[in-house]
Each structure stands twice: as C-alpha cells, then as structure tokens.
Protein backbone atom coordinates (compact mmCIF):
# COMPACT_ATOMS: atom_id res chain seq x y z
CA MET A 1 -0.12 -0.12 0.01
CA ASN A 2 1.76 3.26 -1.15
CA VAL A 3 1.74 6.37 1.09
CA LYS A 4 -1.02 8.44 -0.72
CA LYS A 5 -3.41 5.50 0.16
CA ILE A 6 -2.17 5.49 3.77
CA SER A 7 -2.83 9.22 3.97
CA LYS A 8 -6.26 9.00 2.50
CA ILE A 9 -7.28 6.29 5.15
CA VAL A 10 -5.79 8.38 8.12
CA TYR A 11 -7.43 11.35 6.94
CA LYS A 12 -10.81 9.40 6.67
CA LEU A 13 -10.19 7.93 9.97
CA ILE A 14 -9.63 11.66 11.57
CA LEU A 15 -12.82 13.11 10.08
CA ILE A 16 -14.73 10.09 11.56
CA LEU A 17 -13.23 10.47 14.96
CA PHE A 18 -14.14 14.05 14.94
CA ALA A 19 -17.76 13.42 13.69
CA LEU A 20 -18.03 11.05 16.44
CA LEU A 21 -16.68 13.66 19.21
CA PHE A 22 -19.12 16.21 17.67
CA ILE A 23 -22.22 13.87 18.06
CA VAL A 24 -20.74 13.04 21.57
CA PHE A 25 -20.45 16.68 22.42
CA ILE A 26 -24.02 17.56 20.94
CA TYR A 27 -25.67 14.63 22.66
CA TYR A 28 -24.40 15.76 26.18
CA THR A 29 -24.42 19.38 25.57
CA GLY A 30 -27.26 20.22 23.02
CA GLY A 31 -29.84 20.54 25.61
CA SER A 32 -27.84 23.14 27.59
CA TRP A 33 -27.13 24.86 24.70
CA TRP A 34 -30.77 25.12 23.57
CA ARG A 35 -31.65 26.54 27.15
CA HIS A 36 -28.60 29.00 26.52
CA TRP A 37 -30.12 30.28 23.50
CA VAL A 38 -33.88 29.77 23.54
CA THR A 39 -35.32 28.70 26.80
CA TYR A 40 -33.33 30.76 29.39
CA PRO A 41 -33.83 34.26 27.35
CA ALA A 42 -37.42 33.47 27.15
CA LEU A 43 -37.71 32.83 30.90
CA GLU A 44 -35.74 35.92 31.75
CA LYS A 45 -37.94 38.17 29.51
CA ASP A 46 -41.06 36.83 31.51
CA ARG A 47 -39.40 37.23 34.87
CA VAL A 48 -38.70 41.04 33.97
CA GLU A 49 -42.17 41.44 32.85
CA LEU A 50 -43.41 39.89 36.34
CA TRP A 51 -41.01 42.17 38.31
CA GLU A 52 -42.66 45.29 36.42
CA LYS A 53 -45.90 44.36 37.93
CA TYR A 54 -44.81 44.79 41.29
CA GLU A 55 -47.12 46.63 43.78
CA LYS A 56 -45.99 46.83 47.34
CA PRO A 57 -48.75 45.45 49.65
CA GLN A 58 -50.21 47.25 52.67
CA LYS A 59 -48.40 46.09 55.61
CA VAL A 60 -51.03 44.33 57.65
CA ILE A 61 -49.22 41.93 59.94
CA SER A 62 -47.35 44.12 62.64
CA LEU A 63 -44.39 41.97 62.86
CA ASP A 64 -41.45 42.37 60.54
CA ASP A 65 -40.71 40.16 57.74
CA HIS A 66 -37.18 38.85 58.13
CA LYS A 67 -35.60 36.96 55.13
CA GLY A 68 -33.06 34.41 55.89
CA VAL A 69 -31.64 30.72 55.13
CA LEU A 70 -31.55 27.67 57.33
CA HIS A 71 -29.54 24.48 57.14
CA LEU A 72 -26.14 25.74 55.71
CA HIS A 73 -22.51 24.41 56.18
CA SER A 74 -19.18 26.41 56.87
CA TYR A 75 -15.56 25.36 57.50
CA TRP A 76 -16.52 23.74 60.57
CA SER A 77 -18.10 20.82 58.60
CA HIS A 78 -15.66 17.98 57.33
CA ASP A 79 -17.38 18.72 53.81
CA SER A 80 -17.10 22.39 53.53
CA ARG A 81 -14.29 25.04 53.28
CA GLY A 82 -16.65 28.18 53.68
CA ILE A 83 -15.27 31.16 55.53
CA LEU A 84 -16.85 34.25 56.36
CA GLN A 85 -15.22 36.17 53.40
CA GLU A 86 -17.38 33.88 51.18
CA LEU A 87 -20.52 33.74 53.29
CA LEU A 88 -21.16 37.44 54.36
CA PRO A 89 -20.98 38.85 50.51
CA ALA A 90 -23.30 36.08 49.42
CA ALA A 91 -25.78 36.82 52.24
CA LYS A 92 -25.73 40.44 51.67
CA LYS A 93 -26.14 40.20 47.98
CA ALA A 94 -29.10 37.76 48.64
CA LYS A 95 -30.47 40.59 51.04
CA LEU A 96 -30.52 37.97 53.85
CA LYS A 97 -31.10 39.01 57.70
CA PHE A 98 -30.13 35.68 59.08
CA LEU A 99 -28.21 32.42 58.63
CA PHE A 100 -28.78 29.42 60.62
CA PHE A 101 -25.96 27.01 60.39
CA ALA A 102 -26.15 23.14 60.46
CA ASP A 103 -22.39 22.33 60.68
CA HIS A 104 -21.45 18.73 61.35
CA PRO A 105 -20.37 17.82 64.83
CA HIS A 106 -16.62 16.82 65.48
CA ALA A 107 -17.45 14.54 68.54
CA LYS A 108 -20.07 13.09 70.65
CA LEU A 109 -19.90 16.18 72.89
CA ASP A 110 -20.66 19.12 70.81
CA THR A 111 -19.91 22.35 72.24
CA PHE A 112 -21.69 25.73 71.73
CA PRO A 113 -21.37 28.29 70.55
CA ARG A 114 -18.86 27.39 67.86
CA SER A 115 -18.12 28.27 64.22
CA TYR A 116 -19.68 31.63 63.29
CA SER A 117 -22.03 33.27 65.98
CA GLY A 118 -23.46 36.71 66.48
CA VAL A 119 -24.08 39.58 64.35
CA TYR A 120 -21.91 40.31 61.42
CA ASP A 121 -22.61 43.62 59.25
CA GLY A 122 -26.18 43.39 60.49
CA ILE A 123 -26.76 39.75 59.56
CA LEU A 124 -27.59 37.27 62.41
CA PHE A 125 -25.18 34.21 62.37
CA GLU A 126 -26.68 31.32 64.52
CA PRO A 127 -24.54 28.50 65.20
CA GLY A 128 -26.25 24.93 64.93
CA THR A 129 -25.40 21.24 64.26
CA GLU A 130 -26.87 18.52 61.80
CA ASN A 131 -26.58 15.03 63.14
CA GLY A 132 -28.86 12.12 63.20
CA GLY A 133 -31.59 13.53 60.68
CA MET A 134 -31.97 16.64 62.84
CA MET A 135 -30.74 20.22 62.46
CA VAL A 136 -30.15 21.71 66.41
CA CYS A 137 -29.71 25.13 67.47
CA PRO A 138 -29.33 25.39 71.23
CA MET A 139 -30.76 28.62 72.79
CA ASP A 140 -27.54 29.24 74.80
CA SER A 141 -24.02 28.20 75.54
CA VAL A 142 -24.40 24.37 76.00
CA VAL A 143 -22.54 21.17 75.43
CA LEU A 144 -24.74 18.77 73.45
CA ASP A 145 -24.27 15.11 74.17
CA TRP A 146 -25.02 13.02 70.98
CA SER A 147 -24.36 9.91 72.97
CA LYS A 148 -27.86 10.40 74.47
CA GLU A 149 -30.68 8.18 73.21
CA SER A 150 -32.71 10.23 70.58
CA ASN A 151 -36.11 11.12 72.32
CA GLU A 152 -34.13 12.19 75.38
CA PHE A 153 -31.72 14.31 73.49
CA ILE A 154 -34.60 16.17 71.51
CA HIS A 155 -36.47 16.69 74.70
CA ASP A 156 -33.52 18.15 76.71
CA VAL A 157 -32.71 20.64 73.80
CA VAL A 158 -36.32 21.78 73.42
CA LYS A 159 -37.06 21.86 77.29
CA ASN A 160 -34.02 24.32 77.33
CA GLY A 161 -35.41 26.61 74.70
CA GLY A 162 -33.54 25.22 71.73
CA LEU A 163 -34.65 24.43 68.47
CA VAL A 164 -34.97 20.84 66.84
CA LEU A 165 -36.15 20.36 63.20
CA TYR A 166 -36.07 17.42 61.17
CA VAL A 167 -34.01 17.48 58.05
CA HIS A 168 -33.78 15.45 54.81
CA THR A 169 -37.24 14.45 55.27
CA GLU A 170 -37.49 12.08 52.34
CA LYS A 171 -35.86 9.73 54.77
CA PRO A 172 -37.38 7.86 57.73
CA HIS A 173 -37.76 9.78 60.97
CA ASP A 174 -39.63 9.24 64.17
CA TRP A 175 -42.59 11.33 63.36
CA SER A 176 -44.42 10.39 66.66
CA ASN A 177 -41.93 12.17 68.71
CA HIS A 178 -43.80 14.72 70.55
CA ASP A 179 -40.93 17.40 71.01
CA TYR A 180 -39.28 18.14 67.59
CA GLN A 181 -40.77 21.85 66.45
CA GLY A 182 -40.70 21.58 62.74
CA MET A 183 -39.43 19.85 59.40
CA GLU A 184 -37.99 20.54 56.11
CA ILE A 185 -40.75 20.75 53.47
CA TYR A 186 -38.06 21.55 50.88
CA ASN A 187 -34.28 20.86 50.61
CA ILE A 188 -31.99 21.47 47.60
CA HIS A 189 -30.05 18.31 48.11
CA THR A 190 -33.36 16.14 48.57
CA ASP A 191 -34.45 17.77 45.17
CA LEU A 192 -31.40 16.81 43.61
CA LEU A 193 -31.69 13.15 44.26
CA ASP A 194 -34.39 12.65 41.61
CA GLU A 195 -32.49 14.06 38.73
CA GLU A 196 -32.01 11.87 35.78
CA GLY A 197 -28.81 11.04 34.79
CA GLY A 198 -27.04 12.14 38.12
CA LEU A 199 -24.55 15.18 38.45
CA LEU A 200 -23.00 15.24 34.91
CA PRO A 201 -25.88 16.94 33.04
CA LEU A 202 -26.12 19.53 35.88
CA ILE A 203 -22.43 20.11 35.89
CA ILE A 204 -22.48 20.60 31.97
CA ASN A 205 -25.68 22.92 32.37
CA PHE A 206 -23.99 25.00 34.83
CA ALA A 207 -20.66 25.11 32.73
CA ILE A 208 -22.50 26.59 29.79
CA ASN A 209 -25.23 28.79 31.74
CA GLY A 210 -23.56 29.38 34.96
CA SER A 211 -22.17 32.49 34.35
CA CYS A 212 -25.44 34.42 33.14
CA TYR A 213 -28.43 31.84 33.72
CA ARG A 214 -27.47 30.51 36.85
CA HIS A 215 -30.92 31.15 38.68
CA TRP A 216 -32.60 29.06 35.71
CA ALA A 217 -30.27 26.45 36.08
CA PHE A 218 -30.90 26.24 39.54
CA ARG A 219 -34.61 26.11 39.06
CA ASP A 220 -34.48 23.32 36.53
CA LEU A 221 -33.67 21.30 39.67
CA TYR A 222 -37.16 22.13 41.32
CA ASP A 223 -39.84 19.32 41.69
CA ASP A 224 -42.95 19.32 43.84
CA GLN A 225 -42.27 17.61 47.09
CA ILE A 226 -45.38 15.54 46.92
CA LYS A 227 -44.84 13.25 49.39
CA ILE A 228 -42.95 15.41 51.87
CA LEU A 229 -45.86 18.04 51.65
CA ALA A 230 -48.40 15.15 52.09
CA ASN A 231 -46.61 13.92 55.28
CA TRP A 232 -46.37 17.42 56.70
CA ASP A 233 -49.95 17.98 56.25
CA SER A 234 -50.93 14.76 57.90
CA LEU A 235 -48.57 15.79 60.86
CA ASN A 236 -50.07 19.03 60.91
CA ARG A 237 -53.60 17.81 61.63
CA LYS A 238 -52.32 16.27 65.02
CA ARG A 239 -50.29 19.19 66.01
CA ARG A 240 -48.26 22.18 65.00
CA ILE A 241 -45.37 21.20 62.63
CA VAL A 242 -43.43 24.12 61.25
CA GLY A 243 -42.46 23.79 57.54
CA MET A 244 -39.03 25.34 56.67
CA GLY A 245 -36.88 25.66 53.38
CA ALA A 246 -33.42 24.57 53.60
CA VAL A 247 -30.51 25.48 51.33
CA ASP A 248 -28.12 22.72 52.60
CA ALA A 249 -25.42 25.06 51.24
CA HIS A 250 -21.85 23.72 51.23
CA ASN A 251 -20.32 25.60 48.45
CA ASN A 252 -18.36 22.46 47.86
CA GLN A 253 -19.53 20.91 44.31
CA ASN A 254 -16.64 22.80 42.77
CA VAL A 255 -12.87 22.60 41.66
CA ARG A 256 -10.81 25.31 43.20
CA ALA A 257 -6.94 25.93 43.71
CA ARG A 258 -5.17 27.72 46.22
CA TYR A 259 -1.46 28.40 47.54
CA LEU A 260 -0.34 27.08 50.57
CA ALA A 261 2.26 28.80 52.91
CA ASP A 262 5.07 26.93 51.55
CA GLY A 263 4.34 27.77 47.94
CA ARG A 264 2.70 24.78 46.86
CA VAL A 265 -0.59 24.61 45.16
CA GLU A 266 -3.73 22.58 46.96
CA TRP A 267 -6.08 21.61 44.31
CA VAL A 268 -9.50 21.00 46.02
CA GLY A 269 -12.58 19.02 44.53
CA PRO A 270 -15.96 17.96 45.15
CA ASN A 271 -17.14 17.59 48.90
CA ALA A 272 -14.31 19.84 49.76
CA LYS A 273 -11.58 17.20 49.57
CA THR A 274 -8.07 17.76 48.46
CA ILE A 275 -7.31 16.48 44.93
CA ALA A 276 -3.51 17.09 45.10
CA VAL A 277 -0.79 19.34 46.61
CA VAL A 278 1.55 19.97 43.90
CA GLU A 279 4.50 22.47 43.09
CA PRO A 280 3.26 24.98 40.69
CA GLY A 281 3.66 23.74 37.02
CA TRP A 282 2.48 24.65 33.39
CA LYS A 283 -0.99 24.04 34.18
CA GLU A 284 -1.11 26.19 37.33
CA LYS A 285 0.66 29.29 35.47
CA LEU A 286 -1.88 28.98 32.79
CA LEU A 287 -4.92 28.52 35.01
CA LEU A 288 -4.02 30.25 38.21
CA GLY A 289 -4.80 34.15 38.79
CA GLU A 290 -5.05 36.48 41.61
CA PRO A 291 -6.42 35.18 45.17
CA ASP A 292 -9.74 36.45 45.90
CA SER A 293 -11.09 37.34 49.15
CA ALA A 294 -10.99 33.76 50.62
CA GLY A 295 -7.70 33.00 49.03
CA TRP A 296 -8.81 30.80 46.03
CA VAL A 297 -6.77 31.42 42.78
CA PHE A 298 -8.69 29.27 40.46
CA LYS A 299 -12.44 28.31 40.81
CA PHE A 300 -15.09 26.36 38.73
CA GLU A 301 -18.07 26.45 40.75
CA VAL A 302 -21.43 24.60 40.27
CA ASP A 303 -22.36 24.88 44.06
CA THR A 304 -21.93 28.52 45.50
CA TYR A 305 -23.32 30.29 48.32
CA PHE A 306 -25.21 32.78 46.68
CA GLY A 307 -26.65 30.37 44.11
CA SER A 308 -28.45 28.60 47.28
CA PHE A 309 -29.04 31.64 49.17
CA ASN A 310 -30.96 33.27 46.25
CA TYR A 311 -32.87 30.02 45.43
CA VAL A 312 -35.06 29.15 48.51
CA ASN A 313 -35.44 31.30 51.67
CA THR A 314 -37.16 30.98 54.82
CA HIS A 315 -39.07 34.29 56.04
CA VAL A 316 -40.04 34.86 59.76
CA PHE A 317 -42.04 37.47 61.14
CA SER A 318 -40.57 38.95 64.21
CA ASP A 319 -40.35 42.09 66.06
CA THR A 320 -36.58 42.08 66.57
CA LEU A 321 -33.85 40.30 64.72
CA THR A 322 -32.38 38.42 67.55
CA SER A 323 -31.31 34.85 68.10
CA ARG A 324 -34.10 34.18 70.46
CA ALA A 325 -36.93 36.29 68.63
CA ILE A 326 -36.35 34.57 65.20
CA LYS A 327 -36.09 31.08 67.00
CA GLU A 328 -39.45 31.65 68.99
CA ASN A 329 -41.36 32.89 66.08
CA LEU A 330 -40.11 30.06 63.73
CA VAL A 331 -41.27 27.51 66.34
CA LYS A 332 -44.60 29.27 66.30
CA GLY A 333 -44.77 28.87 62.77
CA ASN A 334 -44.88 32.63 61.86
CA ALA A 335 -43.05 31.96 58.55
CA TYR A 336 -43.35 30.95 55.05
CA ILE A 337 -40.88 29.88 52.56
CA SER A 338 -40.12 31.51 48.92
CA PHE A 339 -38.18 30.90 45.84
CA GLU A 340 -36.45 34.24 45.47
CA ASN A 341 -34.76 33.56 42.48
CA LEU A 342 -38.20 34.01 40.68
CA ALA A 343 -39.14 37.12 42.62
CA GLU A 344 -38.73 38.64 46.03
CA ALA A 345 -41.40 37.95 48.35
CA ASP A 346 -41.17 40.49 50.71
CA GLY A 347 -44.85 41.91 51.25
CA PHE A 348 -46.40 38.52 51.29
CA GLN A 349 -48.85 38.03 54.24
CA PHE A 350 -51.50 35.45 55.01
CA TYR A 351 -53.60 36.15 58.00
CA SER A 352 -57.16 35.58 59.23
CA LEU A 353 -59.84 38.69 60.12
CA ASP A 354 -62.65 38.61 62.87
CA LYS A 355 -66.09 40.06 62.10
CA ASP A 356 -64.53 43.63 62.31
CA ASP A 357 -62.05 43.02 59.77
CA LYS A 358 -59.22 42.95 62.28
CA VAL A 359 -56.42 40.52 62.12
CA ASN A 360 -56.50 37.85 64.81
CA ALA A 361 -54.30 35.36 63.62
CA ILE A 362 -51.25 35.15 61.20
CA MET A 363 -49.72 31.88 59.62
CA GLY A 364 -48.56 29.54 62.42
CA ASP A 365 -51.28 30.84 64.80
CA SER A 366 -54.43 28.92 66.08
CA VAL A 367 -57.92 30.46 66.51
CA GLN A 368 -61.28 29.37 67.01
CA ALA A 369 -63.15 28.85 63.67
CA LYS A 370 -66.12 30.80 65.02
CA ASP A 371 -64.02 33.95 65.34
CA VAL A 372 -62.97 34.06 61.66
CA LYS A 373 -64.88 35.90 58.91
CA ALA A 374 -62.30 35.38 56.29
CA LEU A 375 -58.79 34.18 55.67
CA HIS A 376 -56.86 36.56 53.57
CA VAL A 377 -53.68 36.67 51.64
CA VAL A 378 -51.95 39.52 49.66
CA SER A 379 -48.74 39.28 47.16
CA PRO A 380 -46.56 41.97 45.53
CA TYR A 381 -47.06 40.18 42.24
CA PRO A 382 -50.24 38.82 40.45
CA VAL A 383 -50.25 35.15 41.26
CA GLN A 384 -52.14 31.94 41.42
CA PHE A 385 -53.47 31.31 44.82
CA GLU A 386 -54.24 27.73 45.93
CA LEU A 387 -55.85 27.35 49.38
CA VAL A 388 -55.22 23.74 51.00
CA LYS A 389 -57.08 22.59 53.63
CA ASN A 390 -56.09 19.40 55.67
CA GLY A 391 -53.67 18.55 52.69
CA GLU A 392 -56.41 19.01 49.93
CA THR A 393 -56.73 22.04 47.40
CA ILE A 394 -60.04 23.37 48.06
CA ASP A 395 -59.99 26.86 46.13
CA ARG A 396 -58.02 28.28 43.40
CA ILE A 397 -57.93 31.62 41.83
CA LYS A 398 -55.28 32.90 39.25
CA ASP A 399 -53.59 36.29 38.18
CA VAL A 400 -54.54 38.27 41.26
CA TYR A 401 -52.83 40.36 44.12
CA GLU A 402 -54.89 39.45 46.88
CA TYR A 403 -57.58 36.57 47.95
CA GLN A 404 -60.00 36.01 50.47
CA PHE A 405 -62.04 33.06 51.69
CA ASP A 406 -64.99 32.47 53.86
CA PRO A 407 -64.16 29.05 55.77
CA LEU A 408 -67.70 29.19 56.90
CA LYS A 409 -66.63 28.46 60.60
CA SER A 410 -65.23 25.13 59.42
CA SER A 411 -62.08 23.79 61.47
CA GLY A 412 -59.08 22.76 59.73
CA VAL A 413 -55.49 23.39 58.95
CA TYR A 414 -55.47 25.95 56.02
CA ARG A 415 -52.31 27.00 54.17
CA ILE A 416 -51.68 28.71 50.84
CA VAL A 417 -49.59 27.88 47.65
CA ALA A 418 -48.75 30.69 45.74
CA SER A 419 -47.25 30.31 42.21
CA VAL A 420 -45.97 32.96 39.72
CA ARG A 421 -46.86 32.49 35.72
CA ILE A 422 -43.32 32.20 33.90
CA GLY A 423 -42.75 30.57 30.61
CA GLY A 424 -46.37 29.78 30.04
CA LYS A 425 -46.41 27.86 33.31
CA TRP A 426 -47.48 28.50 36.96
CA LEU A 427 -44.15 28.09 39.04
CA ALA A 428 -44.54 27.25 42.71
CA TRP A 429 -43.31 30.35 44.71
CA VAL A 430 -44.57 30.52 47.92
CA PHE A 431 -45.44 27.82 50.49
CA THR A 432 -46.85 29.34 53.76
CA ASN A 433 -47.30 27.73 57.39
CA PRO A 434 -50.77 26.86 57.89
CA ILE A 435 -53.54 28.87 60.05
CA TYR A 436 -55.06 26.51 62.42
CA LEU A 437 -58.85 26.91 62.91
CA TYR A 438 -60.24 24.79 65.72
C-alpha cells in the first residue's frame, strides 16, 4: 500500500473521529445550549415582565418580615471550606437577615457556640449542628451530648429553649416524637436526588449557563415535593409542625485551587476534598490568577453560597432580629418559604380576619373557627393562589394580587401555595405555614 492511500485512510479516520466527538458533544451538551439560546432568554423576559408588575402591599401583619436561610454549612463541617469572606458577601447580595448553620459535629460532645456566632454587618449568624436527621440550634452556651438516646436528646434541647428541626425528610424519622418543632418541606439536596442522569448533566448545564443564567439552572432542579408535603399536612392535623425551606449549602461542588504557605498549590474538588498538593507547574501558570477574598486562585463552581441563598428562603415574622426572637417566632410557625430567584417575596402576608375585619391570626397561629370571618392573603405580584385545607386543595384563583376566603366556621388546617406565571406555566413560588382553625 502506497503512502498516498495510507494518507487517505488516516484522513478519513480523523474525520470519522471528529464526527463522533461532535455527535457526543451535541448529545451531552445540546440541551444546555438550547436552554442558553432559547429557553432561558424567554424565561428571563417573562421574569422581567413579572417584576414590572410589582405593587407593594399594605403592611397588615404588625411583625417585620425577616428573610434568611436555614441549614447551611461552613468550614466547621468536614465537607465544606466556607469562611466568612465567602458567606457574608453572598448573604448581603441575597438580602438576607439571618443564617442558621447546621455544621456537622466533631465529637459526641458538641460545644456551643462554635463556628460563626453573632451579628456580622447587620446579619444574624446562628450556630447549629446537623446529626441523626436533625438540625439543632441551642438557645444558649451548652454542650450537646450526642451519645444520648434520640428522644431524650430532643426533649432536653427543646426543654432548654433550643430548636430541633427534622432535616432530609425524604428519609425515615420518628414522626411520632412529641418534642421536635418542625421539618424541612423543601431541601435543595433532597430535590437533587431525583435528577435523571446524576450530576453530569447538571455540571454541564452550569458550565454553559452558570455565568448568566445560574438562577434558571437552579430552577431546573425544582420538583414538587409531593410525598414530603403530604406527610407534613398529615402531621399538622395532629399538632403544629413548622415547615421550613433548607438550602443545605456547602459551597463544595466545585474545583478550586489555592497557594499554601510553602508555595505549593492545593487543588480542592467536590465535597471540599483535597485532590492534590503540587509544586506550581505549567497548568498552574496557565490557570491560576490573583487570590480572591477567600484565597482561591482558581474556581470552577457549580455550588455557590449565593446560588443557594438566592434560591430558597425562609421568611420569619418577628418584632426584632435577635437569636431568641427569630427562633421563637419560627417555632410558632410565623413563617413561610419562598423561591426568591423567581421574585422577591417581601410583602407577602397570610392572615385571618375577625368580624370587624381586624387581624386575629397569622400563619402559624391557632384561632377558633367561629371567630374567623375570612382568610386573607396578599402578594406583591399577580399570582395563582391555592388554598389547601387538611392537605387538599379546596380553592384556586389565578392572576390576582389578593384573595379572600370565608371558611364558614369550618375547623381545619389552612395553608396557601402561591405560584407565578413564567414561561407559560405556573411555577410554585411561596408555601406558607398553616393557620389552624379549631
């Protein structure tokens, strides 16, 4: 075989190889490019049009609405490197008032306070711990003993004014326990578990759309938590169980690099694990830049604090922004959760009115059914309101700023789901805690 024939064969093989690589590239990334050029710009246009319809509601609930996040992790957890220089800017950008941490304990005896505790630049940082399917925030300085039997442990924390919430509620828990005060009705990590194809499609989509459409890439993760909500509704018919939204933020599904004190470079991968520690070589010279405020000189990030903080929030109605006040009002259920990457929920209010049209209960409160003339809810945007009673949708009204319903002195557990219309669909935006009519 002469050289000319061999060259033709090699040329054809190279063309076939490039064609196959192109097919594979399109197969794995085509959906993300379609979102980038078609889907996400259309959603962005609808979101801007929604924001232009903003109308500030009259403040009816006397308590102030404080927006924050629950269940996040910092450097104290084994699977996070998050420090104040990353946490605080993200919290300020997301317009948060409080952060409730759920860092993993280091030992059976868990001493509080630890990690970050107090007020930083006007934002409340509250230390907490995640273990055994619980998020625990003690009220004061204390040593938690994780070697105790679970029910005894929960009872002791709550008896001393602390907060115990069930987390990762897709998993089994002792739902009959009489002391825990609330549960996650949404958790970002829980929602990730049902994604088809695992993490690879997510990583590809964030690589293509993370710079300009990260909020829509996050929203693509959303699925209605039907089983969790049904369980929550069932539990609330027996006693008050507060529903909360959880970011479960670690800032750790990333590839990053930083210089160590000895001049070497540490490469850090998913779950904040060290990939390698190397002397600077050609790839470091090519990829590394100036250190950011946290010391990172290279970052490819899928999971960021701001992305989580701006995705799902818990709003707590409270007269003051203090550790005690936020905890006490959260335990009362004076709270709702919102998906803020769709629209800011400040101004949203759900309450009941007496015969004189005065507020006699807000979300989380109990009131006699005979004393309720109407349930009333207002939104800063036109939404679809769904009224859920004892777990069943009993009324629905679309494209309105406010809604009023006469319960006809009927006892039950009433909550609101509000959805905004974007992309031709009603997207779940706000879930309130119930008002309990007895």
